[in-house]
Amino acid sequence: MYLLRATMASLAEFFLAYALLSAIVVWAWRTWGERYSRPSATILYAFRLLPLLGACGLVALLTVPSFLWLEPS
């Protein structure tokens, strides 16, 4: 049961972090993206992967270790 709760909390944290980081990327692109008349594929790919990698990092570095550290004995 504890593993199921940890999985659900990790997925919820991932969803919230991904949504927030995606909104930040959209705001940043609308703010600074107008400078580029034709952005390179590398820049666009980096902007696309930023929310995914950020959300995965947040879950891997904060959520999962906290569940493992506070796991009931």
Protein backbone atom coordinates (compact mmCIF):
# COMPACT_ATOMS: atom_id res chain seq x y z
CA MET A 1 0.00 0.00 0.00
CA TYR A 2 2.87 2.33 0.77
CA LEU A 3 4.40 1.74 -2.66
CA LEU A 4 1.09 2.59 -4.32
CA ARG A 5 0.86 5.82 -2.32
CA ALA A 6 4.43 6.75 -3.26
CA THR A 7 3.71 6.07 -6.92
CA MET A 8 0.55 8.18 -6.88
CA ALA A 9 2.29 11.05 -5.09
CA SER A 10 5.19 10.90 -7.55
CA LEU A 11 2.85 10.98 -10.52
CA ALA A 12 0.88 13.87 -9.04
CA GLU A 13 4.09 15.81 -8.37
CA PHE A 14 5.29 15.09 -11.90
CA PHE A 15 2.00 16.33 -13.40
CA LEU A 16 2.02 19.56 -11.37
CA ALA A 17 5.68 20.27 -12.05
CA TYR A 18 5.30 19.52 -15.76
CA ALA A 19 2.27 21.80 -16.06
CA LEU A 20 3.99 24.64 -14.20
CA LEU A 21 7.23 24.34 -16.15
CA SER A 22 5.32 24.15 -19.43
CA ALA A 23 3.51 27.37 -18.57
CA ILE A 24 6.85 29.01 -17.77
CA VAL A 25 8.29 27.87 -21.11
CA VAL A 26 5.27 29.26 -22.97
CA TRP A 27 5.65 32.58 -21.17
CA ALA A 28 9.40 32.67 -21.86
CA TRP A 29 8.92 31.87 -25.54
CA ARG A 30 6.28 34.57 -25.94
CA THR A 31 8.55 37.03 -24.16
CA TRP A 32 11.92 36.24 -25.74
CA GLY A 33 11.05 34.10 -28.74
CA GLU A 34 10.09 37.09 -30.84
CA ARG A 35 13.78 37.97 -31.13
CA TYR A 36 14.38 34.98 -33.38
CA SER A 37 12.99 35.26 -36.86
CA ARG A 38 13.84 31.58 -37.46
CA PRO A 39 14.94 29.74 -34.34
CA SER A 40 17.20 26.74 -34.73
CA ALA A 41 15.97 23.23 -34.14
CA THR A 42 18.30 22.91 -31.15
CA ILE A 43 16.68 25.83 -29.35
CA LEU A 44 13.19 24.55 -30.05
CA TYR A 45 14.13 21.04 -28.91
CA ALA A 46 15.67 22.41 -25.72
CA PHE A 47 12.52 24.40 -24.96
CA ARG A 48 10.41 21.29 -25.58
CA LEU A 49 12.50 19.06 -23.29
CA LEU A 50 12.94 21.57 -20.47
CA PRO A 51 9.61 20.84 -18.70
CA LEU A 52 10.04 17.08 -19.03
CA LEU A 53 13.57 17.03 -17.65
CA GLY A 54 12.72 19.51 -14.92
CA ALA A 55 9.71 17.52 -13.75
CA CYS A 56 11.65 14.24 -13.83
CA GLY A 57 14.48 15.83 -11.87
CA LEU A 58 12.13 17.23 -9.27
CA VAL A 59 10.47 13.87 -8.74
CA ALA A 60 13.77 11.98 -8.70
CA LEU A 61 15.54 14.41 -6.37
CA LEU A 62 12.77 15.42 -3.97
CA THR A 63 9.66 13.25 -4.02
CA VAL A 64 11.10 9.75 -4.22
CA PRO A 65 13.88 10.31 -1.64
CA SER A 66 11.43 11.85 0.81
CA PHE A 67 9.19 8.80 0.56
CA LEU A 68 12.12 6.46 1.01
CA TRP A 69 13.50 8.45 3.94
CA LEU A 70 10.15 8.70 5.73
CA GLU A 71 9.06 5.13 4.96
CA PRO A 72 7.46 3.50 7.98
CA SER A 73 9.47 0.66 9.42
